[in-house]
N, C-alpha and C. Protein backbone atom coordinates (compact mmCIF):
# COMPACT_ATOMS: atom_id res chain seq x y z
N UNK A 1 66.49 21.20 -0.92
CA UNK A 1 67.29 21.36 -1.88
C UNK A 1 67.89 19.69 -1.97
N UNK A 2 67.88 19.49 -2.77
CA UNK A 2 68.33 17.70 -2.82
C UNK A 2 69.75 17.67 -2.88
N UNK A 3 70.51 16.41 -2.19
CA UNK A 3 71.69 16.56 -1.71
C UNK A 3 72.08 15.84 -3.05
N UNK A 4 73.22 15.92 -3.57
CA UNK A 4 74.34 15.81 -4.51
C UNK A 4 74.82 14.20 -4.42
N UNK A 5 74.49 13.16 -5.70
CA UNK A 5 74.42 12.20 -5.30
C UNK A 5 73.50 10.57 -4.76
N UNK A 6 72.36 11.53 -5.42
CA UNK A 6 71.18 10.75 -4.45
C UNK A 6 69.93 10.48 -5.54
N UNK A 7 69.07 10.20 -5.36
CA UNK A 7 68.04 9.57 -6.83
C UNK A 7 67.56 10.51 -6.94
N UNK A 8 67.80 11.75 -6.62
CA UNK A 8 66.66 13.39 -6.86
C UNK A 8 67.73 14.25 -7.54
N UNK A 9 68.81 13.63 -7.79
CA UNK A 9 69.64 14.85 -8.61
C UNK A 9 69.10 14.69 -10.16
N UNK A 10 67.84 14.54 -10.50
CA UNK A 10 67.44 14.90 -11.37
C UNK A 10 66.93 16.21 -11.68
N UNK A 11 66.04 15.89 -9.99
CA UNK A 11 65.20 17.11 -10.31
C UNK A 11 65.77 18.85 -10.25
N UNK A 12 65.24 19.47 -11.05
CA UNK A 12 65.60 20.60 -11.07
C UNK A 12 65.24 21.31 -9.56
N UNK A 13 66.49 22.04 -9.02
CA UNK A 13 66.60 22.86 -7.95
C UNK A 13 66.25 24.08 -7.25
N UNK A 14 65.50 24.80 -8.08
CA UNK A 14 64.86 26.37 -8.59
C UNK A 14 63.46 25.65 -7.38
N UNK A 15 63.70 27.09 -6.73
CA UNK A 15 62.25 26.71 -5.60
C UNK A 15 61.21 27.57 -6.42
N UNK A 16 60.42 26.93 -6.17
CA UNK A 16 59.21 26.88 -7.25
C UNK A 16 58.17 28.00 -6.60
N UNK A 17 56.98 29.03 -7.04
CA UNK A 17 56.18 30.01 -6.77
C UNK A 17 55.28 29.42 -5.71
N UNK A 18 54.64 28.82 -4.56
CA UNK A 18 53.40 27.82 -4.24
C UNK A 18 53.95 26.64 -4.42
N UNK A 19 54.78 26.06 -4.42
CA UNK A 19 55.43 24.66 -4.50
C UNK A 19 55.41 23.84 -5.58
N UNK A 20 54.42 24.34 -6.53
CA UNK A 20 54.43 24.04 -8.17
C UNK A 20 54.81 24.27 -9.18
N UNK A 21 55.34 24.52 -9.88
CA UNK A 21 55.54 25.18 -11.65
C UNK A 21 54.68 26.56 -11.90
N UNK A 22 52.99 26.22 -11.92
CA UNK A 22 52.08 26.61 -11.58
C UNK A 22 51.70 27.18 -10.85
N UNK A 23 52.42 27.57 -9.99
CA UNK A 23 51.70 28.69 -9.04
C UNK A 23 50.89 27.92 -7.53
N UNK A 24 50.29 26.94 -7.75
CA UNK A 24 49.41 25.94 -6.69
C UNK A 24 50.16 25.76 -5.82
N UNK A 25 50.18 24.71 -5.04
CA UNK A 25 50.60 23.90 -4.00
C UNK A 25 50.90 22.37 -4.27
N UNK A 26 51.63 21.94 -4.08
CA UNK A 26 51.67 20.57 -4.71
C UNK A 26 50.83 19.69 -4.22
N UNK A 27 50.02 19.83 -3.07
CA UNK A 27 48.35 19.09 -2.72
C UNK A 27 47.50 19.71 -3.11
N UNK A 28 47.32 21.13 -4.06
CA UNK A 28 46.16 21.11 -4.17
C UNK A 28 45.71 19.99 -5.67
N UNK A 29 43.71 20.41 -5.61
CA UNK A 29 43.51 19.45 -6.37
C UNK A 29 43.13 20.55 -7.64
N UNK A 30 43.28 20.39 -8.52
CA UNK A 30 42.73 21.34 -10.16
C UNK A 30 42.10 20.58 -11.16
N UNK A 31 41.14 20.82 -11.11
CA UNK A 31 40.65 20.62 -12.62
C UNK A 31 40.03 21.68 -13.87
N UNK A 32 39.89 21.63 -14.88
CA UNK A 32 39.16 22.37 -15.58
C UNK A 32 38.25 21.85 -16.89
N UNK A 33 37.35 22.73 -16.44
CA UNK A 33 35.95 22.00 -18.17
C UNK A 33 35.85 23.12 -18.69
N UNK A 34 35.10 22.67 -20.05
CA UNK A 34 34.75 24.07 -20.83
C UNK A 34 32.86 23.31 -20.71
N UNK A 35 32.57 24.72 -20.64
CA UNK A 35 31.07 24.52 -20.50
C UNK A 35 30.62 25.43 -21.52
N UNK A 36 29.22 24.99 -22.33
CA UNK A 36 28.31 25.79 -23.40
C UNK A 36 27.60 26.47 -22.42
N UNK A 37 28.21 27.32 -21.76
CA UNK A 37 27.58 28.91 -21.23
C UNK A 37 27.98 29.96 -21.12
N UNK A 38 27.50 31.31 -20.98
CA UNK A 38 28.58 32.32 -21.12
C UNK A 38 28.79 32.54 -19.31
N UNK A 39 29.74 32.73 -19.33
CA UNK A 39 30.33 33.09 -18.11
C UNK A 39 29.99 33.48 -16.97
N UNK A 40 28.49 34.85 -17.22
CA UNK A 40 27.99 35.14 -16.70
C UNK A 40 27.21 34.06 -15.86
N UNK A 41 26.85 33.12 -16.74
CA UNK A 41 25.80 32.32 -16.03
C UNK A 41 26.24 31.02 -14.83
N UNK A 42 27.36 31.14 -15.76
CA UNK A 42 28.19 30.06 -15.07
C UNK A 42 28.31 30.48 -13.50
N UNK A 43 28.81 31.57 -13.42
CA UNK A 43 29.50 32.20 -12.25
C UNK A 43 28.39 31.92 -11.42
N UNK A 44 27.23 32.37 -12.11
CA UNK A 44 25.59 32.97 -11.58
C UNK A 44 25.26 31.62 -10.33
N UNK A 45 25.70 30.41 -11.12
CA UNK A 45 25.22 28.94 -10.69
C UNK A 45 26.34 28.62 -9.32
N UNK A 46 27.41 28.65 -10.11
CA UNK A 46 28.58 27.63 -9.28
C UNK A 46 28.64 28.82 -7.96
N UNK A 47 28.31 29.59 -7.34
CA UNK A 47 28.28 31.11 -6.40
C UNK A 47 26.99 30.71 -5.75
N UNK A 48 26.27 30.05 -6.13
CA UNK A 48 24.92 30.34 -5.39
C UNK A 48 24.52 28.77 -4.61
N UNK A 49 24.90 29.04 -3.24
CA UNK A 49 25.12 28.03 -2.18
C UNK A 49 23.69 27.06 -2.66
N UNK A 50 22.68 27.81 -3.18
CA UNK A 50 21.79 26.44 -2.90
C UNK A 50 21.36 25.54 -4.38
N UNK A 51 22.97 25.73 -4.64
CA UNK A 51 23.13 24.55 -6.34
C UNK A 51 24.04 24.09 -5.70
N UNK A 52 24.71 24.21 -4.60
CA UNK A 52 25.88 23.12 -4.64
C UNK A 52 25.61 21.59 -4.34
N UNK A 53 24.65 21.12 -3.55
CA UNK A 53 24.16 19.87 -3.70
C UNK A 53 23.94 19.12 -4.91
N UNK A 54 23.24 19.72 -5.79
CA UNK A 54 22.94 19.52 -7.19
C UNK A 54 24.13 19.26 -8.07
N UNK A 55 25.27 19.84 -7.59
CA UNK A 55 26.43 18.72 -8.69
C UNK A 55 27.21 19.08 -7.84
N UNK A 56 27.90 18.76 -6.33
CA UNK A 56 28.86 18.50 -5.67
C UNK A 56 28.10 16.76 -5.27
N UNK A 57 28.69 16.06 -5.52
CA UNK A 57 28.47 15.04 -4.35
C UNK A 57 28.26 14.64 -3.41
N UNK A 58 29.73 15.11 -2.84
CA UNK A 58 29.95 15.08 -0.82
C UNK A 58 28.47 15.96 -0.21
N UNK A 59 27.86 16.67 -1.28
CA UNK A 59 27.88 18.06 -0.21
C UNK A 59 25.57 17.89 -0.08
N UNK A 60 26.12 17.72 1.11
CA UNK A 60 24.81 17.36 1.52
C UNK A 60 23.62 18.74 1.34
N UNK A 61 24.10 19.37 1.79
CA UNK A 61 23.14 20.90 2.44
C UNK A 61 24.31 21.85 2.51
N UNK A 62 24.09 23.04 1.71
CA UNK A 62 24.26 24.57 1.59
C UNK A 62 23.53 25.82 1.98
N UNK A 63 23.52 26.46 2.92
CA UNK A 63 22.42 27.48 3.27
C UNK A 63 23.62 28.57 3.77
N UNK A 64 22.93 29.84 3.12
CA UNK A 64 23.95 30.91 2.78
C UNK A 64 23.37 31.77 4.41
N UNK A 65 24.53 31.71 5.26
CA UNK A 65 24.37 32.33 6.44
C UNK A 65 24.11 34.09 6.75
N UNK A 66 22.63 34.36 6.75
CA UNK A 66 22.39 36.02 6.38
C UNK A 66 22.11 36.53 5.49
N UNK A 67 22.72 37.62 4.64
CA UNK A 67 21.53 38.38 3.10
C UNK A 67 22.36 37.81 2.39
N UNK A 68 21.72 37.94 0.93
CA UNK A 68 21.93 36.97 0.18
C UNK A 68 21.50 38.63 -1.43
N UNK A 69 22.36 38.66 -2.07
CA UNK A 69 23.38 37.65 -2.71
C UNK A 69 24.17 37.65 -1.97
N UNK A 70 25.73 36.52 -2.40
CA UNK A 70 26.36 36.64 -2.04
C UNK A 70 27.86 37.48 -2.43
N UNK A 71 28.72 37.64 -1.56
CA UNK A 71 29.93 39.21 -1.33
C UNK A 71 30.71 38.14 -0.41
N UNK A 72 31.91 39.41 -0.65
CA UNK A 72 33.26 39.07 0.34
C UNK A 72 32.23 39.33 1.40
N UNK A 73 32.86 37.80 2.41
CA UNK A 73 32.55 37.89 3.64
C UNK A 73 31.42 37.76 4.04
N UNK A 74 30.51 37.28 3.13
CA UNK A 74 28.98 36.07 2.66
C UNK A 74 29.76 34.96 3.35
N UNK A 75 29.11 34.12 4.54
CA UNK A 75 29.29 32.68 4.99
C UNK A 75 27.88 31.75 4.58
N UNK A 76 28.83 30.91 4.46
CA UNK A 76 27.54 29.47 4.09
C UNK A 76 27.93 28.39 4.62
N UNK A 77 27.03 27.78 5.39
CA UNK A 77 26.83 26.89 6.21
C UNK A 77 26.87 25.58 5.35
N UNK A 78 27.58 24.58 5.41
CA UNK A 78 27.78 23.86 4.17
C UNK A 78 27.94 22.22 5.12
N UNK A 79 27.40 21.28 4.58
CA UNK A 79 27.10 19.95 4.84
C UNK A 79 27.83 19.18 4.63
N UNK A 80 28.82 18.01 4.44
CA UNK A 80 29.47 17.30 3.43
C UNK A 80 29.43 16.07 3.96
N UNK A 81 29.00 14.74 3.30
CA UNK A 81 29.09 13.65 3.48
C UNK A 81 30.18 13.04 2.74
N UNK A 82 30.99 12.23 3.73
CA UNK A 82 32.35 11.59 3.28
C UNK A 82 32.64 10.15 3.76
N UNK A 83 32.58 9.15 3.07
CA UNK A 83 31.67 8.09 3.63
C UNK A 83 30.76 7.77 4.33
N UNK A 84 30.36 7.49 5.25
CA UNK A 84 28.92 7.51 6.38
C UNK A 84 28.98 8.14 7.56
N UNK A 85 29.93 9.39 7.10
CA UNK A 85 30.37 10.56 8.26
C UNK A 85 29.53 11.65 7.57
N UNK A 86 28.92 12.44 8.31
CA UNK A 86 28.11 13.78 7.71
C UNK A 86 29.64 15.13 8.63
N UNK A 87 29.86 15.90 7.64
CA UNK A 87 30.59 16.97 8.11
C UNK A 87 29.97 18.71 8.48
N UNK A 88 29.84 18.93 8.88
CA UNK A 88 29.16 20.65 8.93
C UNK A 88 30.24 21.53 9.33
N UNK A 89 30.67 22.23 8.53
CA UNK A 89 31.47 23.39 7.90
C UNK A 89 30.41 24.78 7.85
N UNK A 90 31.68 25.83 7.88
CA UNK A 90 31.10 26.96 7.69
C UNK A 90 32.43 27.77 6.80
N UNK A 91 31.43 28.08 5.45
CA UNK A 91 32.48 28.88 4.41
C UNK A 91 32.46 30.33 4.32
N UNK A 92 33.63 30.72 3.99
CA UNK A 92 33.56 32.63 3.47
C UNK A 92 33.75 32.54 2.75
N UNK A 93 33.11 33.70 2.40
CA UNK A 93 33.99 33.94 0.50
C UNK A 93 34.91 35.36 1.17
N UNK A 94 36.01 35.00 0.39
CA UNK A 94 37.33 36.64 1.05
C UNK A 94 37.59 36.79 -0.76
N UNK A 95 36.98 36.56 -1.85
CA UNK A 95 37.42 36.81 -2.81
C UNK A 95 36.37 36.54 -3.56
N UNK A 96 35.72 38.03 -4.82
CA UNK A 96 34.70 38.00 -5.69
C UNK A 96 35.13 38.62 -7.00
N UNK A 97 34.69 38.38 -8.10
CA UNK A 97 35.18 39.40 -9.14
C UNK A 97 34.15 38.69 -10.37
N UNK A 98 32.71 39.19 -10.17
CA UNK A 98 32.04 38.15 -11.20
C UNK A 98 32.40 38.72 -11.96
N UNK A 99 32.27 38.41 -13.75
CA UNK A 99 31.84 36.81 -13.75
C UNK A 99 32.81 35.95 -13.72
N UNK A 100 34.41 36.64 -12.92
CA UNK A 100 36.24 35.82 -13.44
C UNK A 100 36.23 34.33 -11.95
N UNK A 101 36.34 35.14 -11.29
CA UNK A 101 36.82 34.86 -9.76
C UNK A 101 36.15 34.61 -8.16
N UNK A 102 36.04 33.61 -7.80
CA UNK A 102 35.54 33.69 -6.62
C UNK A 102 36.55 32.82 -5.79
N UNK A 103 36.76 33.57 -4.71
CA UNK A 103 37.44 32.35 -3.61
C UNK A 103 37.46 32.21 -1.96
N UNK A 104 37.03 30.96 -1.61
CA UNK A 104 36.18 30.59 -0.15
C UNK A 104 37.10 30.14 0.68
N UNK A 105 36.94 30.28 2.16
CA UNK A 105 37.81 29.76 3.46
C UNK A 105 36.90 28.78 4.10
N UNK A 106 37.06 28.03 4.58
CA UNK A 106 36.44 26.82 5.64
C UNK A 106 37.12 28.24 6.45
N UNK A 107 36.17 28.02 7.69
CA UNK A 107 36.81 28.84 8.63
C UNK A 107 36.65 28.31 10.24
N UNK A 108 36.00 26.89 9.98
CA UNK A 108 35.72 26.14 11.21
C UNK A 108 36.39 24.87 11.18
N UNK A 109 36.29 24.04 11.95
CA UNK A 109 36.22 22.51 11.81
C UNK A 109 37.59 22.31 11.75
N UNK A 110 37.93 20.84 11.72
CA UNK A 110 38.98 20.09 11.87
C UNK A 110 39.42 20.47 10.07
N UNK A 111 38.67 20.40 9.32
CA UNK A 111 38.89 20.00 7.60
C UNK A 111 37.85 21.47 7.40
N UNK A 112 39.26 22.42 6.90
CA UNK A 112 38.45 23.51 5.97
C UNK A 112 39.45 23.93 4.90
N UNK A 113 38.38 23.63 3.64
CA UNK A 113 38.67 23.61 2.75
C UNK A 113 38.96 25.21 1.76
N UNK A 114 39.52 24.99 1.07
CA UNK A 114 40.23 26.92 -0.03
C UNK A 114 39.84 26.41 -1.09
N UNK A 115 38.88 26.63 -1.49
CA UNK A 115 38.20 26.62 -2.88
C UNK A 115 38.33 28.56 -3.56
N UNK A 116 38.72 27.99 -4.72
CA UNK A 116 39.16 29.23 -6.07
C UNK A 116 38.64 28.81 -7.14
N UNK A 117 37.91 29.34 -7.90
CA UNK A 117 36.87 29.45 -9.07
C UNK A 117 37.44 30.08 -10.34
N UNK A 118 38.10 30.08 -11.00
CA UNK A 118 38.10 30.81 -12.15
C UNK A 118 37.33 30.36 -13.54
N UNK A 119 36.78 31.33 -14.44
CA UNK A 119 35.79 31.13 -15.72
C UNK A 119 36.85 32.23 -16.28
N UNK A 120 36.92 31.37 -17.44
CA UNK A 120 37.39 32.21 -18.31
C UNK A 120 36.12 32.42 -20.27
N UNK A 121 36.32 33.20 -20.30
CA UNK A 121 35.39 32.98 -21.52
C UNK A 121 35.71 32.76 -22.80
N UNK A 122 35.32 32.23 -23.43
CA UNK A 122 35.55 31.11 -24.72
C UNK A 122 34.40 31.68 -26.22
N UNK A 123 35.49 31.99 -27.08
CA UNK A 123 34.41 32.01 -28.19
C UNK A 123 33.58 33.01 -27.84
N UNK A 124 34.12 34.65 -28.03
CA UNK A 124 33.54 35.44 -27.49
C UNK A 124 32.20 35.78 -26.53
N UNK A 125 32.54 34.90 -26.02
CA UNK A 125 32.07 35.04 -24.07
C UNK A 125 30.40 33.91 -24.17
N UNK A 126 30.41 33.30 -25.57
CA UNK A 126 29.57 32.17 -25.81
C UNK A 126 29.71 31.30 -24.61
N UNK A 127 30.86 30.26 -24.61
CA UNK A 127 31.45 29.43 -23.74
C UNK A 127 32.01 29.58 -22.73
N UNK A 128 32.51 28.95 -21.58
CA UNK A 128 33.08 29.46 -20.50
C UNK A 128 34.13 27.99 -20.78
N UNK A 129 35.39 28.72 -19.92
CA UNK A 129 35.97 27.48 -19.34
C UNK A 129 36.26 27.67 -17.98
N UNK A 130 35.62 26.51 -16.84
CA UNK A 130 36.48 26.22 -15.56
C UNK A 130 36.73 26.07 -15.26
N UNK A 131 37.62 26.58 -13.80
CA UNK A 131 38.74 26.21 -12.71
C UNK A 131 38.54 26.03 -11.86
N UNK A 132 38.92 24.83 -11.02
CA UNK A 132 38.48 25.12 -9.99
C UNK A 132 39.74 24.31 -9.23
N UNK A 133 40.35 24.93 -8.20
CA UNK A 133 41.18 24.43 -7.24
C UNK A 133 41.18 24.40 -5.52
N UNK A 134 41.28 23.18 -5.25
CA UNK A 134 40.73 22.77 -4.18
C UNK A 134 42.21 22.42 -3.38
N UNK A 135 42.21 23.33 -2.00
CA UNK A 135 42.97 22.40 -1.03
C UNK A 135 42.39 23.05 0.29
N UNK A 136 43.36 22.01 0.84
CA UNK A 136 42.43 21.80 2.61
C UNK A 136 43.78 22.41 3.47
N UNK A 137 43.47 22.61 4.74
CA UNK A 137 43.82 23.46 6.19
C UNK A 137 43.58 22.92 7.33
N UNK A 138 44.05 21.53 7.47
CA UNK A 138 43.53 21.02 9.10
C UNK A 138 43.81 21.16 10.02
N UNK A 139 43.30 20.57 10.84
CA UNK A 139 43.39 21.17 12.13
C UNK A 139 42.87 19.86 13.36
N UNK A 140 43.66 19.77 14.58
CA UNK A 140 43.38 18.95 15.42
C UNK A 140 43.30 17.10 14.73
N UNK A 141 42.37 16.20 14.59
CA UNK A 141 42.04 15.18 13.96
C UNK A 141 41.99 15.34 12.57
N UNK A 142 41.89 16.49 11.61
CA UNK A 142 42.04 16.96 10.53
C UNK A 142 43.39 16.52 9.90
N UNK A 143 44.42 16.21 10.94
CA UNK A 143 45.46 16.38 10.50
C UNK A 143 46.02 14.62 9.89
N UNK A 144 44.78 14.22 10.73
CA UNK A 144 44.59 12.48 10.36
C UNK A 144 43.75 12.51 9.30
N UNK A 145 42.65 12.91 8.72
CA UNK A 145 41.64 12.72 8.12
C UNK A 145 42.30 13.81 6.71
N UNK A 146 42.60 14.70 7.14
CA UNK A 146 43.20 15.36 5.36
C UNK A 146 43.80 14.02 4.20
N UNK A 147 44.84 13.45 5.11
CA UNK A 147 45.89 12.71 3.80
C UNK A 147 44.91 11.60 3.76
N UNK A 148 44.10 10.72 4.52
CA UNK A 148 43.97 9.53 4.44
C UNK A 148 42.57 9.78 3.95
N UNK A 149 41.99 10.48 4.10
CA UNK A 149 40.16 10.03 3.81
C UNK A 149 39.85 11.68 2.73
N UNK A 150 39.74 12.89 3.55
CA UNK A 150 39.39 13.97 2.76
C UNK A 150 40.00 14.52 1.20
N UNK A 151 41.78 14.07 1.17
CA UNK A 151 42.13 14.48 0.09
C UNK A 151 41.78 13.49 -0.67
N UNK A 152 41.83 12.12 -0.34
CA UNK A 152 41.77 10.98 -2.31
C UNK A 152 40.45 10.99 -2.37
N UNK A 153 39.47 11.30 -1.10
CA UNK A 153 38.17 11.43 -1.64
C UNK A 153 37.65 12.79 -2.26
N UNK A 154 38.42 13.96 -2.47
CA UNK A 154 38.17 15.04 -2.67
C UNK A 154 38.38 14.48 -4.51
N UNK A 155 39.84 14.30 -4.53
CA UNK A 155 40.45 13.99 -5.82
C UNK A 155 39.93 13.18 -6.74
N UNK A 156 39.12 11.91 -6.21
CA UNK A 156 38.19 11.26 -6.65
C UNK A 156 37.22 11.29 -7.25
N UNK A 157 36.49 12.84 -6.85
CA UNK A 157 35.28 13.30 -6.51
C UNK A 157 34.97 14.48 -8.05
N UNK A 158 36.41 15.69 -7.83
CA UNK A 158 35.88 16.40 -7.96
C UNK A 158 36.26 16.63 -9.94
N UNK A 159 36.58 15.90 -10.84
CA UNK A 159 36.27 15.40 -11.87
C UNK A 159 34.60 14.88 -11.98
N UNK A 160 34.11 14.01 -11.26
CA UNK A 160 32.86 14.06 -11.86
C UNK A 160 31.81 15.07 -11.46
N UNK A 161 32.58 15.73 -10.51
CA UNK A 161 31.69 16.86 -9.96
C UNK A 161 31.17 17.44 -11.04
N UNK A 162 32.56 18.55 -11.89
CA UNK A 162 32.46 18.82 -12.75
C UNK A 162 31.85 18.59 -14.30
N UNK A 163 32.05 17.10 -14.45
CA UNK A 163 30.97 16.80 -15.65
C UNK A 163 29.46 16.62 -15.05
N UNK A 164 29.27 16.88 -14.12
CA UNK A 164 27.62 16.80 -13.44
C UNK A 164 27.46 18.29 -13.44
N UNK A 165 28.17 19.49 -13.17
CA UNK A 165 27.80 20.62 -13.61
C UNK A 165 27.65 20.88 -14.75
N UNK A 166 28.52 20.77 -15.61
CA UNK A 166 28.47 20.79 -17.51
C UNK A 166 26.85 20.34 -17.96
N UNK A 167 27.05 19.18 -17.41
CA UNK A 167 26.05 18.35 -17.84
C UNK A 167 24.30 19.29 -17.63
N UNK A 168 24.54 19.86 -15.90
CA UNK A 168 23.02 20.79 -15.50
C UNK A 168 22.97 21.92 -16.30
N UNK A 169 24.40 22.46 -16.34
CA UNK A 169 23.74 23.85 -17.10
C UNK A 169 23.84 23.36 -18.69
N UNK A 170 24.33 22.88 -19.57
CA UNK A 170 24.38 22.51 -20.64
C UNK A 170 23.38 21.96 -21.08
N UNK A 171 22.20 20.99 -20.09
CA UNK A 171 20.96 20.87 -20.42
C UNK A 171 19.61 21.90 -20.02
N UNK A 172 20.51 22.77 -19.46
CA UNK A 172 19.16 23.44 -18.79
C UNK A 172 19.12 24.78 -19.94
N UNK A 173 20.33 24.53 -20.40
CA UNK A 173 20.12 26.07 -22.37
C UNK A 173 19.68 25.29 -23.15
N UNK A 174 19.25 24.27 -23.16
CA UNK A 174 19.03 23.76 -24.63
C UNK A 174 17.31 23.57 -24.75
């Protein structure tokens, strides 16, 4: 809580669920975009690891570890490029409710992504609203990398990724 008589007096002092009024965390990166494709088509594409490098700028590769289709418990080996370095990591699906929602978390490495995707049907289910929320858990050197390099890079990249995804999905629908 802010002390009285400080520059923070104007702030509402009620506790916020998860750190922000929207229920996310203060450091969460959240982007939303409308796509002219059915929710089932959007969900199928974004949860297929083979498509990750097609629409995510920093994704060098993504390979399922084990059987497909993807389900809760499935793991994916992902390599990302940040600057001139490549970082391998393993992501695991922790929640999945096709075609509405999925949640993946990093389970190894110094920087572990936490990604939540939500798809809302629009116009009777002929279009979709995709919301991606990204946060990070850091370990070891990741405690330095996340605030200085990873988070700023992701904040800049995420809107471009959603635009690229929209373009790919809408172009294949035409």
